[in-house]
Amino acid sequence: MKFRVLIDQDEDGFFVAHVPSLPGCVTQGSTRPEVVANAQEAIAAYLESLNERGEAIPPSTEEELVEVAI
């Protein structure tokens, strides 16, 4: 399965990953590759938890790029 992951860098230089379609699924890492690996682990754990509780996997979120003239 594929999930959209949003990655930002915080004020301390850490990378923070959010998975919009999985509420509360957030992780961080010192580097971009580390945060991506951590996100993969967090998503797997989240899905395992849903499965154990018999809950459905939420659908992936849609993304649209919007151009704005400034």
C-alpha atoms as a PDB file:
ATOM      1  CA  MET A   1       0.000   0.000   0.000  1.00  0.00           C
ATOM      2  CA  LYS A   2       1.074   3.570  -0.553  1.00  0.00           C
ATOM      3  CA  PHE A   3       0.378   6.514   1.743  1.00  0.00           C
ATOM      4  CA  ARG A   4       1.034  10.205   1.255  1.00  0.00           C
ATOM      5  CA  VAL A   5       3.576  11.468   3.808  1.00  0.00           C
ATOM      6  CA  LEU A   6       4.139  15.177   4.421  1.00  0.00           C
ATOM      7  CA  ILE A   7       7.640  16.038   5.634  1.00  0.00           C
ATOM      8  CA  ASP A   8       8.618  19.333   7.275  1.00  0.00           C
ATOM      9  CA  GLN A   9      11.780  20.420   9.017  1.00  0.00           C
ATOM     10  CA  ASP A  10      11.241  21.876  12.500  1.00  0.00           C
ATOM     11  CA  GLU A  11      13.081  24.759  14.180  1.00  0.00           C
ATOM     12  CA  ASP A  12      15.588  22.338  15.730  1.00  0.00           C
ATOM     13  CA  GLY A  13      16.511  20.829  12.355  1.00  0.00           C
ATOM     14  CA  PHE A  14      14.628  17.545  12.807  1.00  0.00           C
ATOM     15  CA  PHE A  15      12.447  16.229  10.006  1.00  0.00           C
ATOM     16  CA  VAL A  16       8.834  15.543  10.980  1.00  0.00           C
ATOM     17  CA  ALA A  17       6.555  13.269   8.938  1.00  0.00           C
ATOM     18  CA  HIS A  18       2.738  13.354   9.056  1.00  0.00           C
ATOM     19  CA  VAL A  19       0.447  10.835   7.340  1.00  0.00           C
ATOM     20  CA  PRO A  20      -2.748  12.799   6.565  1.00  0.00           C
ATOM     21  CA  SER A  21      -4.961   9.752   5.988  1.00  0.00           C
ATOM     22  CA  LEU A  22      -3.913   8.159   9.309  1.00  0.00           C
ATOM     23  CA  PRO A  23      -4.839  10.623  12.085  1.00  0.00           C
ATOM     24  CA  GLY A  24      -2.131  10.891  14.736  1.00  0.00           C
ATOM     25  CA  CYS A  25       0.454   9.003  12.657  1.00  0.00           C
ATOM     26  CA  VAL A  26       3.477  11.273  13.125  1.00  0.00           C
ATOM     27  CA  THR A  27       7.187  10.545  13.457  1.00  0.00           C
ATOM     28  CA  GLN A  28      10.524  12.317  13.191  1.00  0.00           C
ATOM     29  CA  GLY A  29      14.150  11.753  12.247  1.00  0.00           C
ATOM     30  CA  SER A  30      17.495  13.524  12.068  1.00  0.00           C
ATOM     31  CA  THR A  31      17.688  13.167   8.280  1.00  0.00           C
ATOM     32  CA  ARG A  32      15.184  12.869   5.451  1.00  0.00           C
ATOM     33  CA  PRO A  33      16.052   9.170   4.811  1.00  0.00           C
ATOM     34  CA  GLU A  34      15.708   8.460   8.542  1.00  0.00           C
ATOM     35  CA  VAL A  35      12.286  10.106   8.779  1.00  0.00           C
ATOM     36  CA  VAL A  36      11.096   8.192   5.700  1.00  0.00           C
ATOM     37  CA  ALA A  37      12.204   4.893   7.283  1.00  0.00           C
ATOM     38  CA  ASN A  38      10.547   5.894  10.563  1.00  0.00           C
ATOM     39  CA  ALA A  39       7.358   6.788   8.678  1.00  0.00           C
ATOM     40  CA  GLN A  40       7.304   3.335   7.078  1.00  0.00           C
ATOM     41  CA  GLU A  41       7.568   1.749  10.533  1.00  0.00           C
ATOM     42  CA  ALA A  42       4.911   4.069  11.995  1.00  0.00           C
ATOM     43  CA  ILE A  43       2.491   3.332   9.153  1.00  0.00           C
ATOM     44  CA  ALA A  44       3.027  -0.430   9.525  1.00  0.00           C
ATOM     45  CA  ALA A  45       2.387  -0.223  13.285  1.00  0.00           C
ATOM     46  CA  TYR A  46      -0.709   1.944  12.735  1.00  0.00           C
ATOM     47  CA  LEU A  47      -2.142  -0.518  10.196  1.00  0.00           C
ATOM     48  CA  GLU A  48      -1.379  -3.457  12.487  1.00  0.00           C
ATOM     49  CA  SER A  49      -3.246  -1.698  15.300  1.00  0.00           C
ATOM     50  CA  LEU A  50      -6.265  -1.094  13.037  1.00  0.00           C
ATOM     51  CA  ASN A  51      -6.210  -4.742  11.980  1.00  0.00           C
ATOM     52  CA  GLU A  52      -6.061  -5.977  15.591  1.00  0.00           C
ATOM     53  CA  ARG A  53      -9.118  -3.861  16.440  1.00  0.00           C
ATOM     54  CA  GLY A  54     -10.979  -4.953  13.308  1.00  0.00           C
ATOM     55  CA  GLU A  55     -11.098  -1.419  11.918  1.00  0.00           C
ATOM     56  CA  ALA A  56     -10.946  -0.524   8.236  1.00  0.00           C
ATOM     57  CA  ILE A  57      -7.930   1.209   6.707  1.00  0.00           C
ATOM     58  CA  PRO A  58      -8.869   4.811   5.856  1.00  0.00           C
ATOM     59  CA  PRO A  59      -8.671   5.773   2.178  1.00  0.00           C
ATOM     60  CA  SER A  60      -5.626   7.713   1.025  1.00  0.00           C
ATOM     61  CA  THR A  61      -6.006  11.476   0.858  1.00  0.00           C
ATOM     62  CA  GLU A  62      -6.102  13.262  -2.464  1.00  0.00           C
ATOM     63  CA  GLU A  63      -3.711  16.062  -3.280  1.00  0.00           C
ATOM     64  CA  GLU A  64      -4.034  18.888  -5.745  1.00  0.00           C
ATOM     65  CA  LEU A  65      -1.405  21.493  -6.531  1.00  0.00           C
ATOM     66  CA  VAL A  66      -2.915  24.957  -6.803  1.00  0.00           C
ATOM     67  CA  GLU A  67      -1.060  27.771  -8.564  1.00  0.00           C
ATOM     68  CA  VAL A  68      -1.517  31.274  -7.223  1.00  0.00           C
ATOM     69  CA  ALA A  69      -0.246  34.393  -8.984  1.00  0.00           C
ATOM     70  CA  ILE A  70       1.423  36.877  -6.657  1.00  0.00           C
END
